[in-house]
Amino acid sequence: MIAGMAVITFTVRYVFLARSVPIAISPAAQRLLTYSAPAVLTAMWVPIVFMPNGELAMSVTNPSLLAAIIAVILAVSRVHMLVVVIASMVSFLLLRHFLGASELPGGYV
């Protein structure tokens, strides 16, 4: 099964990246593809931030939500992206420690 998935993944990527395969993507499709990364990232972070233990957690005791708010504030202030990532990670770990959360979101220790 793993080998089959590897072949499928390689084939899909090869078709778009190989110069020997004559494939053209329309401008409309190219515009749509620019939204794929934000869509995938949003699908990843929304459940982690708003539902860390499988249920909606919109309180001030949710370290994921507070760290996400800090990250948004820093990103909107035009701080360098690496600083935003590091600051939000550090703030999450500190908030998790001081708020008494014993587990990472999603049940990871």
PDB file of N, CA and C in Angstrom:
ATOM      1  N   MET A   1       0.823  -1.178   0.000  1.00  0.00           N
ATOM      2  CA  MET A   1       0.000   0.000   0.000  1.00  0.00           C
ATOM      3  C   MET A   1       0.880   1.259   0.000  1.00  0.00           C
ATOM      4  N   ILE A   2       1.940   1.229   0.801  1.00  0.00           N
ATOM      5  CA  ILE A   2       2.823   2.396   0.861  1.00  0.00           C
ATOM      6  C   ILE A   2       3.501   2.620  -0.486  1.00  0.00           C
ATOM      7  N   ALA A   3       3.945   1.535  -1.119  1.00  0.00           N
ATOM      8  CA  ALA A   3       4.591   1.667  -2.432  1.00  0.00           C
ATOM      9  C   ALA A   3       3.599   2.206  -3.464  1.00  0.00           C
ATOM     10  N   GLY A   4       2.357   1.748  -3.399  1.00  0.00           N
ATOM     11  CA  GLY A   4       1.331   2.249  -4.319  1.00  0.00           C
ATOM     12  C   GLY A   4       1.075   3.731  -4.131  1.00  0.00           C
ATOM     13  N   MET A   5       0.993   4.174  -2.889  1.00  0.00           N
ATOM     14  CA  MET A   5       0.792   5.595  -2.612  1.00  0.00           C
ATOM     15  C   MET A   5       1.998   6.412  -3.058  1.00  0.00           C
ATOM     16  N   ALA A   6       3.203   5.841  -2.909  1.00  0.00           N
ATOM     17  CA  ALA A   6       4.405   6.541  -3.368  1.00  0.00           C
ATOM     18  C   ALA A   6       4.378   6.710  -4.884  1.00  0.00           C
ATOM     19  N   VAL A   7       3.957   5.674  -5.599  1.00  0.00           N
ATOM     20  CA  VAL A   7       3.870   5.767  -7.058  1.00  0.00           C
ATOM     21  C   VAL A   7       2.845   6.814  -7.475  1.00  0.00           C
ATOM     22  N   ILE A   8       1.701   6.825  -6.815  1.00  0.00           N
ATOM     23  CA  ILE A   8       0.660   7.811  -7.138  1.00  0.00           C
ATOM     24  C   ILE A   8       1.168   9.223  -6.869  1.00  0.00           C
ATOM     25  N   THR A   9       1.792   9.434  -5.714  1.00  0.00           N
ATOM     26  CA  THR A   9       2.307  10.760  -5.374  1.00  0.00           C
ATOM     27  C   THR A   9       3.369  11.202  -6.371  1.00  0.00           C
ATOM     28  N   PHE A  10       4.293  10.319  -6.699  1.00  0.00           N
ATOM     29  CA  PHE A  10       5.339  10.656  -7.663  1.00  0.00           C
ATOM     30  C   PHE A  10       4.731  11.005  -9.018  1.00  0.00           C
ATOM     31  N   THR A  11       3.765  10.211  -9.476  1.00  0.00           N
ATOM     32  CA  THR A  11       3.161  10.435 -10.793  1.00  0.00           C
ATOM     33  C   THR A  11       2.461  11.778 -10.861  1.00  0.00           C
ATOM     34  N   VAL A  12       1.701  12.092  -9.838  1.00  0.00           N
ATOM     35  CA  VAL A  12       0.975  13.372  -9.827  1.00  0.00           C
ATOM     36  C   VAL A  12       1.955  14.532  -9.862  1.00  0.00           C
ATOM     37  N   ARG A  13       2.994  14.462  -9.098  1.00  0.00           N
ATOM     38  CA  ARG A  13       3.964  15.560  -9.070  1.00  0.00           C
ATOM     39  C   ARG A  13       4.801  15.597 -10.341  1.00  0.00           C
ATOM     40  N   TYR A  14       5.135  14.450 -10.884  1.00  0.00           N
ATOM     41  CA  TYR A  14       5.951  14.388 -12.092  1.00  0.00           C
ATOM     42  C   TYR A  14       5.229  15.040 -13.266  1.00  0.00           C
ATOM     43  N   VAL A  15       3.940  14.810 -13.371  1.00  0.00           N
ATOM     44  CA  VAL A  15       3.176  15.372 -14.491  1.00  0.00           C
ATOM     45  C   VAL A  15       3.263  16.893 -14.503  1.00  0.00           C
ATOM     46  N   PHE A  16       3.219  17.514 -13.338  1.00  0.00           N
ATOM     47  CA  PHE A  16       3.245  18.974 -13.291  1.00  0.00           C
ATOM     48  C   PHE A  16       4.655  19.560 -13.340  1.00  0.00           C
ATOM     49  N   LEU A  17       5.654  18.794 -12.910  1.00  0.00           N
ATOM     50  CA  LEU A  17       7.003  19.346 -12.817  1.00  0.00           C
ATOM     51  C   LEU A  17       7.927  18.970 -13.968  1.00  0.00           C
ATOM     52  N   ALA A  18       7.626  17.912 -14.675  1.00  0.00           N
ATOM     53  CA  ALA A  18       8.504  17.466 -15.755  1.00  0.00           C
ATOM     54  C   ALA A  18       8.338  18.343 -16.982  1.00  0.00           C
ATOM     55  N   ARG A  19       9.434  18.739 -17.541  1.00  0.00           N
ATOM     56  CA  ARG A  19       9.398  19.574 -18.743  1.00  0.00           C
ATOM     57  C   ARG A  19       9.024  18.747 -19.978  1.00  0.00           C
ATOM     58  N   SER A  20       9.224  17.429 -19.905  1.00  0.00           N
ATOM     59  CA  SER A  20       8.953  16.573 -21.071  1.00  0.00           C
ATOM     60  C   SER A  20       7.463  16.305 -21.273  1.00  0.00           C
ATOM     61  N   VAL A  21       6.637  16.564 -20.254  1.00  0.00           N
ATOM     62  CA  VAL A  21       5.195  16.344 -20.373  1.00  0.00           C
ATOM     63  C   VAL A  21       4.544  17.667 -20.766  1.00  0.00           C
ATOM     64  N   PRO A  22       3.951  17.732 -21.961  1.00  0.00           N
ATOM     65  CA  PRO A  22       3.345  18.996 -22.409  1.00  0.00           C
ATOM     66  C   PRO A  22       1.962  19.206 -21.767  1.00  0.00           C
ATOM     67  N   ILE A  23       1.952  19.918 -20.650  1.00  0.00           N
ATOM     68  CA  ILE A  23       0.691  20.209 -19.980  1.00  0.00           C
ATOM     69  C   ILE A  23       0.633  21.709 -19.709  1.00  0.00           C
ATOM     70  N   ALA A  24      -0.500  22.276 -19.973  1.00  0.00           N
ATOM     71  CA  ALA A  24      -0.681  23.717 -19.753  1.00  0.00           C
ATOM     72  C   ALA A  24      -1.884  23.922 -18.837  1.00  0.00           C
ATOM     73  N   ILE A  25      -1.697  24.794 -17.889  1.00  0.00           N
ATOM     74  CA  ILE A  25      -2.779  25.109 -16.953  1.00  0.00           C
ATOM     75  C   ILE A  25      -3.310  26.481 -17.320  1.00  0.00           C
ATOM     76  N   SER A  26      -4.615  26.583 -17.369  1.00  0.00           N
ATOM     77  CA  SER A  26      -5.228  27.862 -17.734  1.00  0.00           C
ATOM     78  C   SER A  26      -4.975  28.896 -16.642  1.00  0.00           C
ATOM     79  N   PRO A  27      -5.045  30.173 -16.997  1.00  0.00           N
ATOM     80  CA  PRO A  27      -4.857  31.219 -15.983  1.00  0.00           C
ATOM     81  C   PRO A  27      -5.881  31.130 -14.851  1.00  0.00           C
ATOM     82  N   ALA A  28      -7.095  30.725 -15.169  1.00  0.00           N
ATOM     83  CA  ALA A  28      -8.115  30.588 -14.121  1.00  0.00           C
ATOM     84  C   ALA A  28      -7.730  29.481 -13.139  1.00  0.00           C
ATOM     85  N   ALA A  29      -7.232  28.358 -13.658  1.00  0.00           N
ATOM     86  CA  ALA A  29      -6.800  27.270 -12.785  1.00  0.00           C
ATOM     87  C   ALA A  29      -5.586  27.685 -11.961  1.00  0.00           C
ATOM     88  N   GLN A  30      -4.683  28.453 -12.552  1.00  0.00           N
ATOM     89  CA  GLN A  30      -3.523  28.941 -11.802  1.00  0.00           C
ATOM     90  C   GLN A  30      -3.952  29.856 -10.663  1.00  0.00           C
ATOM     91  N   ARG A  31      -4.950  30.713 -10.919  1.00  0.00           N
ATOM     92  CA  ARG A  31      -5.465  31.578  -9.858  1.00  0.00           C
ATOM     93  C   ARG A  31      -6.086  30.747  -8.743  1.00  0.00           C
ATOM     94  N   LEU A  32      -6.836  29.708  -9.114  1.00  0.00           N
ATOM     95  CA  LEU A  32      -7.447  28.853  -8.100  1.00  0.00           C
ATOM     96  C   LEU A  32      -6.391  28.119  -7.265  1.00  0.00           C
ATOM     97  N   LEU A  33      -5.320  27.707  -7.891  1.00  0.00           N
ATOM     98  CA  LEU A  33      -4.273  26.987  -7.170  1.00  0.00           C
ATOM     99  C   LEU A  33      -3.559  27.862  -6.152  1.00  0.00           C
ATOM    100  N   THR A  34      -3.597  29.172  -6.321  1.00  0.00           N
ATOM    101  CA  THR A  34      -2.961  30.049  -5.331  1.00  0.00           C
ATOM    102  C   THR A  34      -3.685  29.995  -3.983  1.00  0.00           C
ATOM    103  N   TYR A  35      -4.927  29.541  -3.977  1.00  0.00           N
ATOM    104  CA  TYR A  35      -5.688  29.436  -2.732  1.00  0.00           C
ATOM    105  C   TYR A  35      -5.525  28.086  -2.051  1.00  0.00           C
ATOM    106  N   SER A  36      -4.825  27.151  -2.660  1.00  0.00           N
ATOM    107  CA  SER A  36      -4.727  25.810  -2.088  1.00  0.00           C
ATOM    108  C   SER A  36      -3.907  25.792  -0.788  1.00  0.00           C
ATOM    109  N   ALA A  37      -2.792  26.489  -0.745  1.00  0.00           N
ATOM    110  CA  ALA A  37      -1.973  26.485   0.478  1.00  0.00           C
ATOM    111  C   ALA A  37      -2.717  27.107   1.663  1.00  0.00           C
ATOM    112  N   PRO A  38      -3.335  28.291   1.519  1.00  0.00           N
ATOM    113  CA  PRO A  38      -4.092  28.812   2.661  1.00  0.00           C
ATOM    114  C   PRO A  38      -5.253  27.910   3.071  1.00  0.00           C
ATOM    115  N   ALA A  39      -5.894  27.266   2.113  1.00  0.00           N
ATOM    116  CA  ALA A  39      -7.014  26.375   2.442  1.00  0.00           C
ATOM    117  C   ALA A  39      -6.532  25.167   3.241  1.00  0.00           C
ATOM    118  N   VAL A  40      -5.422  24.584   2.826  1.00  0.00           N
ATOM    119  CA  VAL A  40      -4.893  23.415   3.532  1.00  0.00           C
ATOM    120  C   VAL A  40      -4.412  23.810   4.922  1.00  0.00           C
ATOM    121  N   LEU A  41      -3.701  24.919   5.026  1.00  0.00           N
ATOM    122  CA  LEU A  41      -3.212  25.356   6.336  1.00  0.00           C
ATOM    123  C   LEU A  41      -4.353  25.702   7.279  1.00  0.00           C
ATOM    124  N   THR A  42      -5.405  26.320   6.757  1.00  0.00           N
ATOM    125  CA  THR A  42      -6.564  26.637   7.586  1.00  0.00           C
ATOM    126  C   THR A  42      -7.229  25.359   8.083  1.00  0.00           C
ATOM    127  N   ALA A  43      -7.346  24.375   7.220  1.00  0.00           N
ATOM    128  CA  ALA A  43      -7.934  23.101   7.630  1.00  0.00           C
ATOM    129  C   ALA A  43      -7.100  22.414   8.701  1.00  0.00           C
ATOM    130  N   MET A  44      -5.820  22.739   8.763  1.00  0.00           N
ATOM    131  CA  MET A  44      -4.962  22.143   9.786  1.00  0.00           C
ATOM    132  C   MET A  44      -5.037  22.894  11.118  1.00  0.00           C
ATOM    133  N   TRP A  45      -5.017  24.236  11.092  1.00  0.00           N
ATOM    134  CA  TRP A  45      -4.902  24.955  12.357  1.00  0.00           C
ATOM    135  C   TRP A  45      -6.229  25.211  13.052  1.00  0.00           C
ATOM    136  N   VAL A  46      -7.319  25.292  12.328  1.00  0.00           N
ATOM    137  CA  VAL A  46      -8.611  25.602  12.970  1.00  0.00           C
ATOM    138  C   VAL A  46      -9.000  24.554  14.010  1.00  0.00           C
ATOM    139  N   PRO A  47      -8.955  23.257  13.706  1.00  0.00           N
ATOM    140  CA  PRO A  47      -9.302  22.290  14.758  1.00  0.00           C
ATOM    141  C   PRO A  47      -8.329  22.304  15.935  1.00  0.00           C
ATOM    142  N   ILE A  48      -7.044  22.568  15.673  1.00  0.00           N
ATOM    143  CA  ILE A  48      -6.061  22.592  16.757  1.00  0.00           C
ATOM    144  C   ILE A  48      -6.318  23.767  17.693  1.00  0.00           C
ATOM    145  N   VAL A  49      -6.654  24.913  17.140  1.00  0.00           N
ATOM    146  CA  VAL A  49      -6.835  26.117  17.952  1.00  0.00           C
ATOM    147  C   VAL A  49      -8.189  26.126  18.662  1.00  0.00           C
ATOM    148  N   PHE A  50      -9.250  25.811  17.946  1.00  0.00           N
ATOM    149  CA  PHE A  50     -10.588  25.963  18.510  1.00  0.00           C
ATOM    150  C   PHE A  50     -11.136  24.689  19.145  1.00  0.00           C
ATOM    151  N   MET A  51     -10.578  23.537  18.826  1.00  0.00           N
ATOM    152  CA  MET A  51     -11.065  22.281  19.385  1.00  0.00           C
ATOM    153  C   MET A  51      -9.885  21.402  19.801  1.00  0.00           C
ATOM    154  N   PRO A  52      -9.086  21.840  20.780  1.00  0.00           N
ATOM    155  CA  PRO A  52      -7.865  21.109  21.119  1.00  0.00           C
ATOM    156  C   PRO A  52      -8.105  19.706  21.671  1.00  0.00           C
ATOM    157  N   ASN A  53      -9.227  19.475  22.309  1.00  0.00           N
ATOM    158  CA  ASN A  53      -9.509  18.150  22.878  1.00  0.00           C
ATOM    159  C   ASN A  53     -10.758  17.531  22.272  1.00  0.00           C
ATOM    160  N   GLY A  54     -11.078  17.937  21.063  1.00  0.00           N
ATOM    161  CA  GLY A  54     -12.230  17.364  20.381  1.00  0.00           C
ATOM    162  C   GLY A  54     -13.539  18.082  20.627  1.00  0.00           C
ATOM    163  N   GLU A  55     -13.527  19.099  21.445  1.00  0.00           N
ATOM    164  CA  GLU A  55     -14.737  19.886  21.684  1.00  0.00           C
ATOM    165  C   GLU A  55     -14.377  21.365  21.658  1.00  0.00           C
ATOM    166  N   LEU A  56     -15.355  22.188  21.325  1.00  0.00           N
ATOM    167  CA  LEU A  56     -15.120  23.622  21.171  1.00  0.00           C
ATOM    168  C   LEU A  56     -14.610  24.222  22.478  1.00  0.00           C
ATOM    169  N   ALA A  57     -13.482  24.927  22.413  1.00  0.00           N
ATOM    170  CA  ALA A  57     -12.861  25.525  23.601  1.00  0.00           C
ATOM    171  C   ALA A  57     -12.565  26.989  23.312  1.00  0.00           C
ATOM    172  N   MET A  58     -13.545  27.834  23.582  1.00  0.00           N
ATOM    173  CA  MET A  58     -13.414  29.276  23.335  1.00  0.00           C
ATOM    174  C   MET A  58     -13.288  30.026  24.657  1.00  0.00           C
ATOM    175  N   SER A  59     -12.293  29.650  25.459  1.00  0.00           N
ATOM    176  CA  SER A  59     -12.128  30.295  26.754  1.00  0.00           C
ATOM    177  C   SER A  59     -10.713  30.837  26.896  1.00  0.00           C
ATOM    178  N   VAL A  60     -10.515  31.647  27.930  1.00  0.00           N
ATOM    179  CA  VAL A  60      -9.196  32.223  28.183  1.00  0.00           C
ATOM    180  C   VAL A  60      -8.246  31.194  28.784  1.00  0.00           C
ATOM    181  N   THR A  61      -8.721  29.989  29.045  1.00  0.00           N
ATOM    182  CA  THR A  61      -7.847  28.933  29.546  1.00  0.00           C
ATOM    183  C   THR A  61      -7.363  28.018  28.421  1.00  0.00           C
ATOM    184  N   ASN A  62      -7.661  28.357  27.187  1.00  0.00           N
ATOM    185  CA  ASN A  62      -7.217  27.585  26.032  1.00  0.00           C
ATOM    186  C   ASN A  62      -5.890  28.176  25.536  1.00  0.00           C
ATOM    187  N   PRO A  63      -4.753  27.530  25.840  1.00  0.00           N
ATOM    188  CA  PRO A  63      -3.466  28.092  25.440  1.00  0.00           C
ATOM    189  C   PRO A  63      -3.297  28.158  23.918  1.00  0.00           C
ATOM    190  N   SER A  64      -3.915  27.255  23.201  1.00  0.00           N
ATOM    191  CA  SER A  64      -3.821  27.284  21.735  1.00  0.00           C
ATOM    192  C   SER A  64      -4.479  28.537  21.176  1.00  0.00           C
ATOM    193  N   LEU A  65      -5.639  28.875  21.698  1.00  0.00           N
ATOM    194  CA  LEU A  65      -6.362  30.061  21.238  1.00  0.00           C
ATOM    195  C   LEU A  65      -5.596  31.336  21.587  1.00  0.00           C
ATOM    196  N   LEU A  66      -5.076  31.405  22.791  1.00  0.00           N
ATOM    197  CA  LEU A  66      -4.335  32.601  23.201  1.00  0.00           C
ATOM    198  C   LEU A  66      -3.051  32.767  22.385  1.00  0.00           C
ATOM    199  N   ALA A  67      -2.342  31.669  22.144  1.00  0.00           N
ATOM    200  CA  ALA A  67      -1.123  31.742  21.333  1.00  0.00           C
ATOM    201  C   ALA A  67      -1.450  32.119  19.889  1.00  0.00           C
ATOM    202  N   ALA A  68      -2.570  31.649  19.377  1.00  0.00           N
ATOM    203  CA  ALA A  68      -2.994  32.019  18.020  1.00  0.00           C
ATOM    204  C   ALA A  68      -3.318  33.509  17.946  1.00  0.00           C
ATOM    205  N   ILE A  69      -3.946  34.038  18.976  1.00  0.00           N
ATOM    206  CA  ILE A  69      -4.241  35.470  19.004  1.00  0.00           C
ATOM    207  C   ILE A  69      -2.947  36.275  19.020  1.00  0.00           C
ATOM    208  N   ILE A  70      -1.974  35.829  19.802  1.00  0.00           N
ATOM    209  CA  ILE A  70      -0.670  36.496  19.837  1.00  0.00           C
ATOM    210  C   ILE A  70      -0.018  36.442  18.457  1.00  0.00           C
ATOM    211  N   ALA A  71      -0.080  35.287  17.799  1.00  0.00           N
ATOM    212  CA  ALA A  71       0.510  35.144  16.464  1.00  0.00           C
ATOM    213  C   ALA A  71      -0.161  36.070  15.465  1.00  0.00           C
ATOM    214  N   VAL A  72      -1.483  36.194  15.534  1.00  0.00           N
ATOM    215  CA  VAL A  72      -2.198  37.083  14.610  1.00  0.00           C
ATOM    216  C   VAL A  72      -1.807  38.532  14.855  1.00  0.00           C
ATOM    217  N   ILE A  73      -1.728  38.930  16.111  1.00  0.00           N
ATOM    218  CA  ILE A  73      -1.343  40.312  16.435  1.00  0.00           C
ATOM    219  C   ILE A  73       0.062  40.614  15.913  1.00  0.00           C
ATOM    220  N   LEU A  74       0.983  39.681  16.107  1.00  0.00           N
ATOM    221  CA  LEU A  74       2.347  39.902  15.614  1.00  0.00           C
ATOM    222  C   LEU A  74       2.387  39.929  14.083  1.00  0.00           C
ATOM    223  N   ALA A  75       1.644  39.042  13.445  1.00  0.00           N
ATOM    224  CA  ALA A  75       1.647  38.996  11.981  1.00  0.00           C
ATOM    225  C   ALA A  75       1.033  40.258  11.389  1.00  0.00           C
ATOM    226  N   VAL A  76      -0.030  40.764  11.997  1.00  0.00           N
ATOM    227  CA  VAL A  76      -0.661  41.984  11.505  1.00  0.00           C
ATOM    228  C   VAL A  76       0.246  43.188  11.732  1.00  0.00           C
ATOM    229  N   SER A  77       1.096  43.133  12.770  1.00  0.00           N
ATOM    230  CA  SER A  77       2.029  44.223  13.031  1.00  0.00           C
ATOM    231  C   SER A  77       3.236  44.196  12.112  1.00  0.00           C
ATOM    232  N   ARG A  78       3.241  43.266  11.168  1.00  0.00           N
ATOM    233  CA  ARG A  78       4.296  43.157  10.157  1.00  0.00           C
ATOM    234  C   ARG A  78       5.636  42.737  10.744  1.00  0.00           C
ATOM    235  N   VAL A  79       5.601  41.921  11.805  1.00  0.00           N
ATOM    236  CA  VAL A  79       6.817  41.368  12.388  1.00  0.00           C
ATOM    237  C   VAL A  79       7.313  40.268  11.447  1.00  0.00           C
ATOM    238  N   HIS A  80       8.621  40.043  11.408  1.00  0.00           N
ATOM    239  CA  HIS A  80       9.213  39.011  10.558  1.00  0.00           C
ATOM    240  C   HIS A  80       8.564  37.656  10.874  1.00  0.00           C
ATOM    241  N   MET A  81       8.307  36.854   9.844  1.00  0.00           N
ATOM    242  CA  MET A  81       7.570  35.603   9.991  1.00  0.00           C
ATOM    243  C   MET A  81       8.242  34.633  10.954  1.00  0.00           C
ATOM    244  N   LEU A  82       9.561  34.560  10.926  1.00  0.00           N
ATOM    245  CA  LEU A  82      10.268  33.667  11.835  1.00  0.00           C
ATOM    246  C   LEU A  82      10.049  34.088  13.287  1.00  0.00           C
ATOM    247  N   VAL A  83      10.032  35.381  13.536  1.00  0.00           N
ATOM    248  CA  VAL A  83       9.770  35.891  14.886  1.00  0.00           C
ATOM    249  C   VAL A  83       8.347  35.534  15.310  1.00  0.00           C
ATOM    250  N   VAL A  84       7.393  35.634  14.395  1.00  0.00           N
ATOM    251  CA  VAL A  84       5.999  35.277  14.697  1.00  0.00           C
ATOM    252  C   VAL A  84       5.905  33.806  15.081  1.00  0.00           C
ATOM    253  N   VAL A  85       6.547  32.948  14.310  1.00  0.00           N
ATOM    254  CA  VAL A  85       6.488  31.504  14.585  1.00  0.00           C
ATOM    255  C   VAL A  85       7.121  31.186  15.935  1.00  0.00           C
ATOM    256  N   ILE A  86       8.307  31.708  16.177  1.00  0.00           N
ATOM    257  CA  ILE A  86       8.998  31.420  17.432  1.00  0.00           C
ATOM    258  C   ILE A  86       8.240  32.002  18.620  1.00  0.00           C
ATOM    259  N   ALA A  87       7.771  33.237  18.501  1.00  0.00           N
ATOM    260  CA  ALA A  87       7.039  33.876  19.599  1.00  0.00           C
ATOM    261  C   ALA A  87       5.737  33.137  19.902  1.00  0.00           C
ATOM    262  N   SER A  88       5.043  32.692  18.865  1.00  0.00           N
ATOM    263  CA  SER A  88       3.788  31.988  19.122  1.00  0.00           C
ATOM    264  C   SER A  88       4.041  30.617  19.744  1.00  0.00           C
ATOM    265  N   MET A  89       5.116  29.950  19.338  1.00  0.00           N
ATOM    266  CA  MET A  89       5.451  28.660  19.948  1.00  0.00           C
ATOM    267  C   MET A  89       5.842  28.828  21.411  1.00  0.00           C
ATOM    268  N   VAL A  90       6.675  29.821  21.683  1.00  0.00           N
ATOM    269  CA  VAL A  90       7.091  30.070  23.064  1.00  0.00           C
ATOM    270  C   VAL A  90       5.895  30.492  23.910  1.00  0.00           C
ATOM    271  N   SER A  91       5.053  31.360  23.372  1.00  0.00           N
ATOM    272  CA  SER A  91       3.882  31.787  24.137  1.00  0.00           C
ATOM    273  C   SER A  91       2.941  30.615  24.400  1.00  0.00           C
ATOM    274  N   PHE A  92       2.781  29.711  23.423  1.00  0.00           N
ATOM    275  CA  PHE A  92       1.939  28.539  23.645  1.00  0.00           C
ATOM    276  C   PHE A  92       2.493  27.681  24.768  1.00  0.00           C
ATOM    277  N   LEU A  93       3.804  27.409  24.733  1.00  0.00           N
ATOM    278  CA  LEU A  93       4.398  26.569  25.769  1.00  0.00           C
ATOM    279  C   LEU A  93       4.303  27.223  27.151  1.00  0.00           C
ATOM    280  N   LEU A  94       4.540  28.534  27.213  1.00  0.00           N
ATOM    281  CA  LEU A  94       4.425  29.232  28.503  1.00  0.00           C
ATOM    282  C   LEU A  94       2.981  29.257  28.995  1.00  0.00           C
ATOM    283  N   LEU A  95       2.051  29.544  28.095  1.00  0.00           N
ATOM    284  CA  LEU A  95       0.643  29.562  28.489  1.00  0.00           C
ATOM    285  C   LEU A  95       0.183  28.180  28.931  1.00  0.00           C
ATOM    286  N   ARG A  96       0.619  27.160  28.215  1.00  0.00           N
ATOM    287  CA  ARG A  96       0.249  25.794  28.588  1.00  0.00           C
ATOM    288  C   ARG A  96       0.784  25.461  29.975  1.00  0.00           C
ATOM    289  N   HIS A  97       2.006  25.898  30.263  1.00  0.00           N
ATOM    290  CA  HIS A  97       2.604  25.640  31.572  1.00  0.00           C
ATOM    291  C   HIS A  97       1.867  26.396  32.677  1.00  0.00           C
ATOM    292  N   PHE A  98       1.630  27.696  32.455  1.00  0.00           N
ATOM    293  CA  PHE A  98       1.033  28.518  33.502  1.00  0.00           C
ATOM    294  C   PHE A  98      -0.473  28.305  33.652  1.00  0.00           C
ATOM    295  N   LEU A  99      -1.140  27.869  32.611  1.00  0.00           N
ATOM    296  CA  LEU A  99      -2.578  27.603  32.710  1.00  0.00           C
ATOM    297  C   LEU A  99      -2.852  26.178  33.189  1.00  0.00           C
ATOM    298  N   GLY A 100      -1.801  25.384  33.324  1.00  0.00           N
ATOM    299  CA  GLY A 100      -1.970  24.050  33.871  1.00  0.00           C
ATOM    300  C   GLY A 100      -2.439  23.009  32.881  1.00  0.00           C
ATOM    301  N   ALA A 101      -2.340  23.293  31.595  1.00  0.00           N
ATOM    302  CA  ALA A 101      -2.725  22.281  30.607  1.00  0.00           C
ATOM    303  C   ALA A 101      -1.618  21.238  30.554  1.00  0.00           C
ATOM    304  N   SER A 102      -1.970  19.983  30.778  1.00  0.00           N
ATOM    305  CA  SER A 102      -0.951  18.941  30.847  1.00  0.00           C
ATOM    306  C   SER A 102      -0.674  18.294  29.499  1.00  0.00           C
ATOM    307  N   GLU A 103      -1.560  18.466  28.532  1.00  0.00           N
ATOM    308  CA  GLU A 103      -1.380  17.814  27.242  1.00  0.00           C
ATOM    309  C   GLU A 103      -1.357  18.842  26.126  1.00  0.00           C
ATOM    310  N   LEU A 104      -0.715  18.472  25.044  1.00  0.00           N
ATOM    311  CA  LEU A 104      -0.755  19.290  23.847  1.00  0.00           C
ATOM    312  C   LEU A 104      -2.102  19.093  23.173  1.00  0.00           C
ATOM    313  N   PRO A 105      -2.510  20.020  22.314  1.00  0.00           N
ATOM    314  CA  PRO A 105      -3.773  19.852  21.598  1.00  0.00           C
ATOM    315  C   PRO A 105      -3.774  18.550  20.807  1.00  0.00           C
ATOM    316  N   GLY A 106      -4.933  17.935  20.763  1.00  0.00           N
ATOM    317  CA  GLY A 106      -5.076  16.696  20.023  1.00  0.00           C
ATOM    318  C   GLY A 106      -4.649  15.481  20.832  1.00  0.00           C
ATOM    319  N   GLY A 107      -4.340  15.668  22.113  1.00  0.00           N
ATOM    320  CA  GLY A 107      -3.968  14.551  22.959  1.00  0.00           C
ATOM    321  C   GLY A 107      -2.503  14.175  22.905  1.00  0.00           C
ATOM    322  N   TYR A 108      -1.669  14.942  22.191  1.00  0.00           N
ATOM    323  CA  TYR A 108      -0.241  14.650  22.127  1.00  0.00           C
ATOM    324  C   TYR A 108       0.415  15.054  23.428  1.00  0.00           C
ATOM    325  N   VAL A 109       1.326  14.257  23.930  1.00  0.00           N
ATOM    326  CA  VAL A 109       1.999  14.557  25.190  1.00  0.00           C
ATOM    327  C   VAL A 109       3.229  15.378  24.912  1.00  0.00           C
TER     328      VAL A 109
END
